[in-house]
Amino acid sequence: MVDENKVNQVVEPGKGSKGSGGRGYELPLLLFAGFRTLIDRLHAELARQGHPDLRPVHGFALQAIAAPGAGHPTASEVGRRLGVSKQAAGKTIDRLVALGYAERTDDPADARRKTIRLTAHGVDALTRSAAVFDELHAEWARTLGAGRLGQLEDGLRAVVAADSFRLDAASWFGGM
């Protein structure tokens, strides 16, 4: 028989002590909740600013399409950047094309290849996303204090591997 009190002690977030004495499982939950808070606020604001159909998975795909130095990628290349199959990337790209965020073009070097590029609407979404993230960052700095937020960011940089800034989060969660 399972002791329900023990189960509740293990799975109830927020019941650990404050500060550095929290329970180990709380850290990923808090980090994820912070991530979700930022992403949900971003998308609410993007919807208000004229991008109501944009979803978090689309943001990852837009970033993969617009990756610096990559030129105009193919669906296969977008899939590799996102950690998903060409078919899964293709479905997301199809949706972005239908929404007017991306377009398929013929590769001038190889007519058999179709490359993907952002439209002005897609560039606008990324530009607005960057501005909203700056606003959210400033809001967190006001709430936590700029010094504490800086310490949090520095601490995360110290424990997160440099190659962890990847776009395959959607596939890691089992989406896309």
Protein backbone atom coordinates (compact mmCIF):
# COMPACT_ATOMS: atom_id res chain seq x y z
CA MET A 1 0.00 0.00 0.00
CA VAL A 2 1.30 3.44 -0.94
CA ASP A 3 1.59 6.06 1.80
CA GLU A 4 -0.24 9.04 0.23
CA ASN A 5 1.46 11.49 2.61
CA LYS A 6 4.88 10.42 1.31
CA VAL A 7 3.72 10.70 -2.29
CA ASN A 8 2.38 14.21 -1.65
CA GLN A 9 5.65 15.22 0.01
CA VAL A 10 7.55 14.11 -3.11
CA VAL A 11 5.32 15.54 -5.82
CA GLU A 12 3.97 18.78 -4.33
CA PRO A 13 5.90 21.67 -5.86
CA GLY A 14 6.50 24.66 -3.65
CA LYS A 15 6.63 22.70 -0.41
CA GLY A 16 10.42 22.67 -0.10
CA SER A 17 12.28 25.28 1.88
CA LYS A 18 13.06 28.67 0.36
CA GLY A 19 16.46 29.59 -1.00
CA SER A 20 19.13 27.04 -1.77
CA GLY A 21 17.59 24.37 0.47
CA GLY A 22 14.78 23.46 -1.95
CA ARG A 23 14.05 19.94 -3.06
CA GLY A 24 15.98 18.78 -6.13
CA TYR A 25 12.96 18.10 -8.29
CA GLU A 26 11.74 21.69 -7.81
CA LEU A 27 14.56 23.24 -9.82
CA PRO A 28 13.53 21.82 -13.22
CA LEU A 29 9.89 22.58 -12.45
CA LEU A 30 10.70 26.19 -11.56
CA LEU A 31 12.92 26.60 -14.63
CA PHE A 32 10.20 25.14 -16.83
CA ALA A 33 7.52 27.31 -15.20
CA GLY A 34 9.71 30.36 -15.83
CA PHE A 35 10.17 29.31 -19.45
CA ARG A 36 6.41 28.75 -19.88
CA THR A 37 5.65 32.10 -18.25
CA LEU A 38 7.95 33.91 -20.67
CA ILE A 39 6.73 32.02 -23.75
CA ASP A 40 3.05 32.36 -22.85
CA ARG A 41 3.44 36.10 -22.22
CA LEU A 42 5.39 36.45 -25.49
CA HIS A 43 2.66 34.77 -27.51
CA ALA A 44 -0.12 36.75 -25.86
CA GLU A 45 1.69 39.95 -26.79
CA LEU A 46 2.49 38.73 -30.31
CA ALA A 47 -1.21 37.93 -30.79
CA ARG A 48 -2.04 41.47 -29.67
CA GLN A 49 0.50 42.84 -32.15
CA GLY A 50 -0.90 41.04 -35.18
CA HIS A 51 0.44 37.47 -34.92
CA PRO A 52 -2.48 35.55 -33.37
CA ASP A 53 -1.76 32.23 -35.12
CA LEU A 54 1.89 31.96 -34.11
CA ARG A 55 2.60 29.09 -31.70
CA PRO A 56 5.75 28.25 -29.70
CA VAL A 57 6.71 25.47 -32.14
CA HIS A 58 6.54 28.04 -34.93
CA GLY A 59 9.02 30.23 -33.07
CA PHE A 60 11.56 27.41 -32.96
CA ALA A 61 11.04 26.78 -36.67
CA LEU A 62 11.35 30.49 -37.56
CA GLN A 63 14.64 30.58 -35.65
CA ALA A 64 15.84 27.47 -37.49
CA ILE A 65 14.98 29.01 -40.84
CA ALA A 66 16.65 32.32 -39.99
CA ALA A 67 19.75 30.89 -38.26
CA PRO A 68 22.71 33.24 -38.84
CA GLY A 69 25.08 32.24 -41.63
CA ALA A 70 22.81 29.48 -42.86
CA GLY A 71 21.51 31.10 -46.01
CA HIS A 72 18.16 29.68 -47.06
CA PRO A 73 17.84 26.13 -45.68
CA THR A 74 15.93 23.19 -47.11
CA ALA A 75 13.26 21.36 -45.11
CA SER A 76 15.85 18.68 -44.33
CA GLU A 77 18.23 21.28 -42.91
CA VAL A 78 15.44 22.85 -40.85
CA GLY A 79 14.58 19.36 -39.57
CA ARG A 80 18.19 18.72 -38.53
CA ARG A 81 18.33 22.04 -36.67
CA LEU A 82 15.11 21.18 -34.87
CA GLY A 83 16.00 17.54 -34.24
CA VAL A 84 13.01 16.24 -36.20
CA SER A 85 12.46 14.39 -39.45
CA LYS A 86 12.25 16.13 -42.80
CA GLN A 87 8.56 15.21 -42.86
CA ALA A 88 7.86 16.76 -39.45
CA ALA A 89 9.77 19.89 -40.41
CA GLY A 90 7.89 19.95 -43.71
CA LYS A 91 4.52 19.93 -41.92
CA THR A 92 5.57 22.85 -39.73
CA ILE A 93 6.97 24.70 -42.75
CA ASP A 94 3.69 24.05 -44.61
CA ARG A 95 1.83 25.71 -41.74
CA LEU A 96 4.24 28.67 -41.68
CA VAL A 97 3.79 29.06 -45.46
CA ALA A 98 -0.01 28.91 -45.09
CA LEU A 99 0.15 31.58 -42.37
CA GLY A 100 2.40 33.80 -44.47
CA TYR A 101 5.53 33.55 -42.28
CA ALA A 102 7.72 31.62 -44.73
CA GLU A 103 7.93 30.72 -48.38
CA ARG A 104 9.48 27.99 -50.45
CA THR A 105 11.76 29.09 -53.28
CA ASP A 106 13.78 27.34 -55.97
CA ASP A 107 17.47 27.05 -55.16
CA PRO A 108 19.27 28.98 -57.92
CA ALA A 109 22.17 26.50 -57.77
CA ASP A 110 19.97 23.37 -58.01
CA ALA A 111 16.42 23.55 -59.40
CA ARG A 112 15.55 20.24 -57.67
CA ARG A 113 16.05 21.82 -54.24
CA LYS A 114 13.44 23.94 -52.51
CA THR A 115 14.76 26.36 -49.95
CA ILE A 116 12.84 28.05 -47.19
CA ARG A 117 13.02 31.71 -46.31
CA LEU A 118 11.10 34.05 -44.09
CA THR A 119 8.64 36.51 -45.55
CA ALA A 120 8.34 40.08 -44.31
CA HIS A 121 5.60 38.78 -41.96
CA GLY A 122 8.02 36.18 -40.56
CA VAL A 123 10.79 38.74 -40.08
CA ASP A 124 8.26 41.02 -38.36
CA ALA A 125 7.32 38.20 -35.97
CA LEU A 126 10.98 37.56 -35.06
CA THR A 127 11.68 41.28 -34.67
CA ARG A 128 8.66 41.74 -32.43
CA SER A 129 9.61 38.60 -30.46
CA ALA A 130 13.04 40.05 -29.71
CA ALA A 131 11.48 43.32 -28.53
CA VAL A 132 8.93 41.52 -26.35
CA PHE A 133 11.66 39.34 -24.81
CA ASP A 134 13.60 42.54 -24.00
CA GLU A 135 10.48 43.95 -22.30
CA LEU A 136 9.94 40.73 -20.34
CA HIS A 137 13.60 40.71 -19.30
CA ALA A 138 13.23 44.29 -18.05
CA GLU A 139 10.09 43.30 -16.16
CA TRP A 140 11.90 40.43 -14.47
CA ALA A 141 14.77 42.82 -13.61
CA ARG A 142 12.28 45.19 -11.96
CA THR A 143 10.67 42.32 -10.04
CA LEU A 144 13.83 40.50 -8.94
CA GLY A 145 16.27 43.40 -9.09
CA ALA A 146 18.79 43.74 -11.90
CA GLY A 147 21.58 42.29 -9.75
CA ARG A 148 19.64 39.17 -8.76
CA LEU A 149 18.53 38.58 -12.34
CA GLY A 150 22.12 38.99 -13.51
CA GLN A 151 23.26 36.49 -10.86
CA LEU A 152 20.58 34.05 -11.98
CA GLU A 153 21.65 34.36 -15.61
CA ASP A 154 25.34 34.07 -14.71
CA GLY A 155 24.62 31.03 -12.55
CA LEU A 156 22.69 29.32 -15.33
CA ARG A 157 25.49 30.08 -17.81
CA ALA A 158 27.93 28.44 -15.38
CA VAL A 159 25.98 25.17 -15.22
CA VAL A 160 24.55 25.00 -18.74
CA ALA A 161 26.87 23.70 -21.44
CA ALA A 162 27.76 26.24 -24.12
CA ASP A 163 26.23 24.04 -26.83
CA SER A 164 22.89 23.89 -25.00
CA PHE A 165 21.46 26.80 -26.97
CA ARG A 166 19.72 24.49 -29.42
CA LEU A 167 16.45 24.77 -31.26
CA ASP A 168 15.36 21.15 -30.84
CA ALA A 169 13.37 21.72 -27.64
CA ALA A 170 10.06 21.06 -29.36
CA SER A 171 11.22 17.62 -30.52
CA TRP A 172 12.72 16.91 -27.10
CA PHE A 173 9.27 17.45 -25.55
CA GLY A 174 7.82 15.09 -28.15
CA GLY A 175 6.14 17.76 -30.25
CA MET A 176 6.40 18.80 -33.86
